[in-house]
C-alpha cells in the first residue's frame, strides 16, 4: 500500500514541456541586439561625428595623412566642392577629395599639447 502511494505521487507530478531547439538561439540573438543598440551603435555614431568634425575643420597648412599613406600639407580647401589640394613634395601637388584624408596631424598635435598642459596644470 505504501509503495503504491509513492508511485501515485510520482505519477501526479506535472512533466516539463519540451523546449523548442531555437529558443536558446533566440535568447542569444536578443542579447546581441541589445549589445548592438546600447554599445556598438552609439560608438559608431560618435566616430562618424568626430570624422565629420575633422573633415570640416581642415585648414590651409595642416599636415595630413591620406588613406593611401601619403603625408602632405594642405595648400587649399574648396568650400563649395568636396576637394582639397595637398602638397606632397616640392612641385608635387595632389588634388583629392576631403574624404580621402585619414588623419589631421596638426589637429592631433594641438589636442595632445592641450592635454599635456592640462595635466601639468593639475599636478
N, C-alpha and C. Protein backbone atom coordinates (compact mmCIF):
# COMPACT_ATOMS: atom_id res chain seq x y z
N UNK A 1 0.81 -1.18 0.00
CA UNK A 1 0.00 0.00 0.00
C UNK A 1 0.87 1.27 0.00
N UNK A 2 1.81 1.31 0.89
CA UNK A 2 2.71 2.46 0.98
C UNK A 2 3.47 2.64 -0.34
N UNK A 3 3.85 1.54 -0.95
CA UNK A 3 4.59 1.57 -2.20
C UNK A 3 3.71 2.13 -3.32
N UNK A 4 2.42 1.81 -3.29
CA UNK A 4 1.52 2.33 -4.31
C UNK A 4 1.34 3.84 -4.16
N UNK A 5 1.34 4.37 -2.96
CA UNK A 5 1.20 5.81 -2.73
C UNK A 5 2.42 6.56 -3.29
N UNK A 6 3.58 5.99 -3.15
CA UNK A 6 4.79 6.64 -3.68
C UNK A 6 4.73 6.68 -5.20
N UNK A 7 4.27 5.60 -5.81
CA UNK A 7 4.18 5.54 -7.27
C UNK A 7 3.15 6.54 -7.76
N UNK A 8 1.99 6.65 -7.08
CA UNK A 8 0.98 7.61 -7.48
C UNK A 8 1.50 9.05 -7.33
N UNK A 9 2.23 9.33 -6.27
CA UNK A 9 2.78 10.67 -6.06
C UNK A 9 3.74 11.04 -7.19
N UNK A 10 4.52 10.08 -7.64
CA UNK A 10 5.44 10.35 -8.72
C UNK A 10 4.71 10.56 -10.04
N UNK A 11 3.60 9.86 -10.24
CA UNK A 11 2.85 9.99 -11.48
C UNK A 11 2.07 11.30 -11.54
N UNK A 12 1.70 11.85 -10.40
CA UNK A 12 0.89 13.06 -10.38
C UNK A 12 1.69 14.34 -10.65
N UNK A 13 3.01 14.31 -10.55
CA UNK A 13 3.82 15.50 -10.79
C UNK A 13 3.76 15.86 -12.28
N UNK A 14 3.50 17.14 -12.56
CA UNK A 14 3.43 17.53 -13.97
C UNK A 14 4.82 17.47 -14.61
N UNK A 15 4.85 17.06 -15.83
CA UNK A 15 6.13 16.97 -16.54
C UNK A 15 6.37 18.28 -17.26
N UNK A 16 7.63 18.69 -17.34
CA UNK A 16 8.00 19.95 -18.00
C UNK A 16 7.78 19.81 -19.50
N UNK A 17 7.27 20.86 -20.08
CA UNK A 17 7.05 20.85 -21.52
C UNK A 17 8.39 20.89 -22.23
N UNK A 18 8.55 20.16 -23.29
CA UNK A 18 9.83 20.19 -24.01
C UNK A 18 10.03 21.56 -24.67
N UNK A 19 11.25 22.06 -24.62
CA UNK A 19 11.54 23.37 -25.21
C UNK A 19 11.92 23.21 -26.67
N UNK A 20 11.61 24.22 -27.42
CA UNK A 20 11.96 24.20 -28.84
C UNK A 20 13.46 24.39 -28.98
N UNK A 21 14.08 23.79 -29.98
CA UNK A 21 15.54 23.91 -30.13
C UNK A 21 16.00 25.32 -30.52
N UNK A 22 15.11 26.16 -31.01
CA UNK A 22 15.51 27.50 -31.43
C UNK A 22 15.41 28.52 -30.31
N UNK A 23 14.86 28.16 -29.16
CA UNK A 23 14.71 29.13 -28.06
C UNK A 23 16.05 29.64 -27.52
N UNK A 24 17.07 28.80 -27.32
CA UNK A 24 18.36 29.36 -26.87
C UNK A 24 18.97 30.31 -27.90
N UNK A 25 18.81 29.99 -29.17
CA UNK A 25 19.34 30.87 -30.21
C UNK A 25 18.63 32.22 -30.21
N UNK A 26 17.33 32.20 -29.94
CA UNK A 26 16.57 33.44 -29.86
C UNK A 26 17.07 34.31 -28.70
N UNK A 27 17.40 33.69 -27.59
CA UNK A 27 17.94 34.41 -26.44
C UNK A 27 19.28 35.05 -26.79
N UNK A 28 20.14 34.32 -27.46
CA UNK A 28 21.45 34.84 -27.84
C UNK A 28 21.30 36.00 -28.82
N UNK A 29 20.41 35.86 -29.80
CA UNK A 29 20.19 36.94 -30.75
C UNK A 29 19.62 38.19 -30.07
N UNK A 30 18.75 37.99 -29.10
CA UNK A 30 18.21 39.12 -28.35
C UNK A 30 19.29 39.84 -27.57
N UNK A 31 20.20 39.09 -26.95
CA UNK A 31 21.30 39.71 -26.20
C UNK A 31 22.23 40.48 -27.15
N UNK A 32 22.53 39.90 -28.32
CA UNK A 32 23.38 40.59 -29.29
C UNK A 32 22.71 41.88 -29.77
N UNK A 33 21.41 41.85 -30.01
CA UNK A 33 20.69 43.04 -30.45
C UNK A 33 20.78 44.14 -29.39
N UNK A 34 20.58 43.79 -28.14
CA UNK A 34 20.68 44.78 -27.06
C UNK A 34 22.09 45.35 -26.97
N UNK A 35 23.11 44.49 -27.13
CA UNK A 35 24.50 44.93 -27.10
C UNK A 35 24.75 45.91 -28.25
N UNK A 36 24.21 45.62 -29.42
CA UNK A 36 24.39 46.49 -30.58
C UNK A 36 23.72 47.84 -30.35
N UNK A 37 22.50 47.81 -29.81
CA UNK A 37 21.75 49.05 -29.60
C UNK A 37 22.41 49.94 -28.56
N UNK A 38 22.90 49.36 -27.47
CA UNK A 38 23.40 50.17 -26.36
C UNK A 38 24.90 50.43 -26.40
N UNK A 39 25.69 49.64 -27.17
CA UNK A 39 27.14 49.82 -27.17
C UNK A 39 27.68 50.16 -28.56
N UNK A 40 27.45 49.30 -29.52
CA UNK A 40 28.09 49.47 -30.82
C UNK A 40 27.54 50.65 -31.62
N UNK A 41 26.26 50.82 -31.63
CA UNK A 41 25.65 51.89 -32.42
C UNK A 41 26.05 53.29 -31.93
N UNK A 42 25.99 53.58 -30.64
CA UNK A 42 26.44 54.91 -30.18
C UNK A 42 27.93 55.15 -30.45
N UNK A 43 28.74 54.08 -30.33
CA UNK A 43 30.17 54.24 -30.57
C UNK A 43 30.43 54.59 -32.04
N UNK A 44 29.76 53.93 -32.97
CA UNK A 44 29.97 54.24 -34.39
C UNK A 44 29.44 55.63 -34.74
N UNK A 45 28.34 56.04 -34.12
CA UNK A 45 27.84 57.40 -34.36
C UNK A 45 28.82 58.45 -33.87
N UNK A 46 29.42 58.21 -32.71
CA UNK A 46 30.40 59.16 -32.17
C UNK A 46 31.62 59.25 -33.10
N UNK A 47 32.08 58.10 -33.63
CA UNK A 47 33.22 58.11 -34.54
C UNK A 47 32.88 58.85 -35.84
N UNK A 48 31.68 58.68 -36.35
CA UNK A 48 31.26 59.38 -37.56
C UNK A 48 31.22 60.89 -37.32
N UNK A 49 30.74 61.30 -36.15
CA UNK A 49 30.69 62.73 -35.83
C UNK A 49 32.09 63.31 -35.70
N UNK A 50 33.01 62.56 -35.07
CA UNK A 50 34.38 63.04 -34.93
C UNK A 50 35.05 63.17 -36.30
N UNK A 51 34.80 62.21 -37.19
CA UNK A 51 35.39 62.25 -38.52
C UNK A 51 34.82 63.44 -39.31
N UNK A 52 33.51 63.64 -39.24
CA UNK A 52 32.90 64.77 -39.94
C UNK A 52 33.45 66.09 -39.40
N UNK A 53 33.66 66.17 -38.10
CA UNK A 53 34.22 67.37 -37.50
C UNK A 53 35.65 67.60 -37.99
N UNK A 54 36.44 66.53 -38.06
CA UNK A 54 37.82 66.64 -38.52
C UNK A 54 37.87 67.11 -39.97
N UNK A 55 37.00 66.57 -40.81
CA UNK A 55 37.00 66.95 -42.22
C UNK A 55 36.52 68.39 -42.42
N UNK A 56 35.59 68.83 -41.60
CA UNK A 56 35.08 70.20 -41.77
C UNK A 56 36.04 71.25 -41.21
N UNK A 57 36.93 70.87 -40.30
CA UNK A 57 37.84 71.83 -39.67
C UNK A 57 39.22 71.89 -40.32
N UNK A 58 39.39 71.24 -41.48
CA UNK A 58 40.69 71.28 -42.16
C UNK A 58 40.94 72.67 -42.70
N UNK A 59 42.15 73.16 -42.49
CA UNK A 59 42.52 74.49 -42.97
C UNK A 59 43.86 74.41 -43.70
N UNK A 60 44.21 75.50 -44.31
CA UNK A 60 45.49 75.60 -45.03
C UNK A 60 46.64 75.39 -44.05
N UNK A 61 47.70 74.73 -44.50
CA UNK A 61 48.93 74.44 -43.75
C UNK A 61 48.77 73.35 -42.70
N UNK A 62 47.67 72.62 -42.70
CA UNK A 62 47.53 71.45 -41.82
C UNK A 62 48.31 70.29 -42.43
N UNK A 63 49.03 69.58 -41.59
CA UNK A 63 49.73 68.37 -42.04
C UNK A 63 48.74 67.21 -41.92
N UNK A 64 48.61 66.43 -43.00
CA UNK A 64 47.61 65.37 -43.05
C UNK A 64 48.23 64.07 -43.53
N UNK A 65 47.51 62.98 -43.28
CA UNK A 65 47.85 61.66 -43.77
C UNK A 65 46.64 61.13 -44.52
N UNK A 66 46.84 60.68 -45.75
CA UNK A 66 45.73 60.17 -46.55
C UNK A 66 45.53 58.68 -46.27
N UNK A 67 44.42 58.15 -46.74
CA UNK A 67 44.16 56.72 -46.59
C UNK A 67 45.17 55.88 -47.37
N UNK A 68 45.78 56.46 -48.40
CA UNK A 68 46.78 55.76 -49.20
C UNK A 68 48.15 55.77 -48.53
N UNK A 69 48.28 56.48 -47.40
CA UNK A 69 49.54 56.52 -46.68
C UNK A 69 50.46 57.65 -47.12
N UNK A 70 49.92 58.64 -47.77
CA UNK A 70 50.71 59.77 -48.25
C UNK A 70 50.62 60.91 -47.23
N UNK A 71 51.80 61.37 -46.79
CA UNK A 71 51.86 62.53 -45.89
C UNK A 71 51.97 63.78 -46.74
N UNK A 72 51.31 64.83 -46.32
CA UNK A 72 51.38 66.08 -47.06
C UNK A 72 50.86 67.24 -46.25
N UNK A 73 50.88 68.40 -46.87
CA UNK A 73 50.41 69.63 -46.25
C UNK A 73 49.31 70.21 -47.13
N UNK A 74 48.22 70.62 -46.51
CA UNK A 74 47.10 71.17 -47.26
C UNK A 74 47.47 72.55 -47.77
N UNK A 75 47.26 72.76 -49.07
CA UNK A 75 47.53 74.05 -49.68
C UNK A 75 46.25 74.85 -49.82
N UNK A 76 45.17 74.17 -50.23
CA UNK A 76 43.90 74.88 -50.36
C UNK A 76 42.75 73.92 -50.08
N UNK A 77 41.69 74.50 -49.51
CA UNK A 77 40.47 73.75 -49.21
C UNK A 77 39.33 74.43 -49.94
N UNK A 78 38.63 73.68 -50.77
CA UNK A 78 37.50 74.23 -51.50
C UNK A 78 36.26 74.15 -50.62
N UNK A 79 35.60 75.27 -50.42
CA UNK A 79 34.41 75.30 -49.58
C UNK A 79 33.18 74.82 -50.35
N UNK A 80 33.16 75.05 -51.67
CA UNK A 80 31.99 74.67 -52.46
C UNK A 80 32.04 73.22 -52.90
N UNK A 81 33.21 72.76 -53.29
CA UNK A 81 33.35 71.37 -53.74
C UNK A 81 34.00 70.55 -52.63
N UNK A 82 33.88 69.26 -52.74
CA UNK A 82 34.47 68.34 -51.76
C UNK A 82 35.90 68.03 -52.20
N UNK A 83 36.75 69.06 -52.19
CA UNK A 83 38.07 68.93 -52.78
C UNK A 83 39.10 69.72 -52.01
N UNK A 84 40.30 69.16 -51.92
CA UNK A 84 41.44 69.85 -51.32
C UNK A 84 42.66 69.62 -52.20
N UNK A 85 43.67 70.46 -52.05
CA UNK A 85 44.94 70.29 -52.74
C UNK A 85 46.00 70.08 -51.65
N UNK A 86 46.75 69.00 -51.80
CA UNK A 86 47.76 68.64 -50.81
C UNK A 86 49.13 68.70 -51.46
N UNK A 87 50.07 69.38 -50.80
CA UNK A 87 51.45 69.45 -51.28
C UNK A 87 52.20 68.28 -50.64
N UNK A 88 52.74 67.43 -51.51
CA UNK A 88 53.45 66.25 -51.03
C UNK A 88 54.95 66.52 -50.97
N UNK A 89 55.48 67.16 -52.01
CA UNK A 89 56.90 67.45 -52.10
C UNK A 89 57.05 68.74 -52.90
N UNK A 90 58.28 69.19 -53.12
CA UNK A 90 58.48 70.38 -53.94
C UNK A 90 57.91 70.11 -55.33
N UNK A 91 57.08 71.01 -55.79
CA UNK A 91 56.45 70.93 -57.12
C UNK A 91 55.57 69.70 -57.30
N UNK A 92 55.12 69.08 -56.24
CA UNK A 92 54.21 67.94 -56.34
C UNK A 92 52.97 68.27 -55.51
N UNK A 93 51.87 68.45 -56.23
CA UNK A 93 50.60 68.75 -55.57
C UNK A 93 49.57 67.74 -56.02
N UNK A 94 48.77 67.26 -55.09
CA UNK A 94 47.72 66.29 -55.39
C UNK A 94 46.36 66.91 -55.09
N UNK A 95 45.46 66.80 -56.02
CA UNK A 95 44.09 67.24 -55.80
C UNK A 95 43.28 66.01 -55.43
N UNK A 96 42.58 66.06 -54.31
CA UNK A 96 41.84 64.89 -53.82
C UNK A 96 40.59 65.31 -53.08
N UNK A 97 39.75 64.34 -52.80
CA UNK A 97 38.53 64.62 -52.04
C UNK A 97 38.85 64.73 -50.56
N UNK A 98 37.99 65.41 -49.83
CA UNK A 98 38.20 65.56 -48.39
C UNK A 98 38.11 64.22 -47.68
N UNK A 99 37.28 63.33 -48.21
CA UNK A 99 37.10 62.03 -47.58
C UNK A 99 38.32 61.12 -47.65
N UNK A 100 39.30 61.47 -48.48
CA UNK A 100 40.49 60.65 -48.59
C UNK A 100 41.50 60.93 -47.47
N UNK A 101 41.20 61.91 -46.63
CA UNK A 101 42.09 62.24 -45.51
C UNK A 101 41.77 61.33 -44.33
N UNK A 102 42.79 60.63 -43.84
CA UNK A 102 42.60 59.73 -42.70
C UNK A 102 42.85 60.43 -41.37
N UNK A 103 43.92 61.24 -41.31
CA UNK A 103 44.26 61.90 -40.05
C UNK A 103 44.73 63.32 -40.33
N UNK A 104 44.42 64.20 -39.40
CA UNK A 104 44.90 65.58 -39.44
C UNK A 104 45.95 65.68 -38.33
N UNK A 105 47.21 65.57 -38.73
CA UNK A 105 48.31 65.51 -37.75
C UNK A 105 48.43 66.81 -36.94
N UNK A 106 48.20 67.95 -37.56
CA UNK A 106 48.30 69.24 -36.87
C UNK A 106 47.26 69.32 -35.76
N UNK A 107 46.05 68.91 -36.06
CA UNK A 107 44.98 68.96 -35.06
C UNK A 107 45.26 67.98 -33.91
N UNK A 108 45.76 66.79 -34.25
CA UNK A 108 46.08 65.81 -33.21
C UNK A 108 47.17 66.31 -32.29
N UNK A 109 48.18 66.98 -32.85
CA UNK A 109 49.25 67.54 -32.03
C UNK A 109 48.74 68.63 -31.11
N UNK A 110 47.82 69.45 -31.61
CA UNK A 110 47.25 70.53 -30.79
C UNK A 110 46.44 69.94 -29.64
N UNK A 111 45.67 68.90 -29.91
CA UNK A 111 44.88 68.26 -28.86
C UNK A 111 45.80 67.62 -27.82
N UNK A 112 46.87 66.97 -28.29
CA UNK A 112 47.83 66.34 -27.38
C UNK A 112 48.52 67.39 -26.51
N UNK A 113 48.89 68.52 -27.11
CA UNK A 113 49.54 69.59 -26.34
C UNK A 113 48.59 70.17 -25.30
N UNK A 114 47.32 70.32 -25.66
CA UNK A 114 46.34 70.84 -24.70
C UNK A 114 46.17 69.88 -23.52
N UNK A 115 46.16 68.59 -23.80
CA UNK A 115 46.04 67.61 -22.72
C UNK A 115 47.27 67.64 -21.81
N UNK A 116 48.45 67.79 -22.42
CA UNK A 116 49.68 67.83 -21.62
C UNK A 116 49.71 69.05 -20.71
N UNK A 117 49.30 70.21 -21.23
CA UNK A 117 49.28 71.41 -20.38
C UNK A 117 48.23 71.29 -19.29
N UNK A 118 47.14 70.63 -19.59
CA UNK A 118 46.10 70.43 -18.59
C UNK A 118 46.62 69.52 -17.46
N UNK A 119 47.37 68.47 -17.83
CA UNK A 119 47.94 67.57 -16.81
C UNK A 119 48.98 68.29 -15.97
N UNK A 120 49.81 69.12 -16.62
CA UNK A 120 50.83 69.85 -15.87
C UNK A 120 50.19 70.87 -14.92
N UNK A 121 49.10 71.47 -15.36
CA UNK A 121 48.41 72.44 -14.52
C UNK A 121 47.75 71.78 -13.33
N UNK A 122 47.29 70.55 -13.49
CA UNK A 122 46.65 69.83 -12.39
C UNK A 122 47.66 69.30 -11.40
N UNK A 123 48.87 69.03 -11.85
CA UNK A 123 49.88 68.43 -10.98
C UNK A 123 50.58 69.42 -10.11
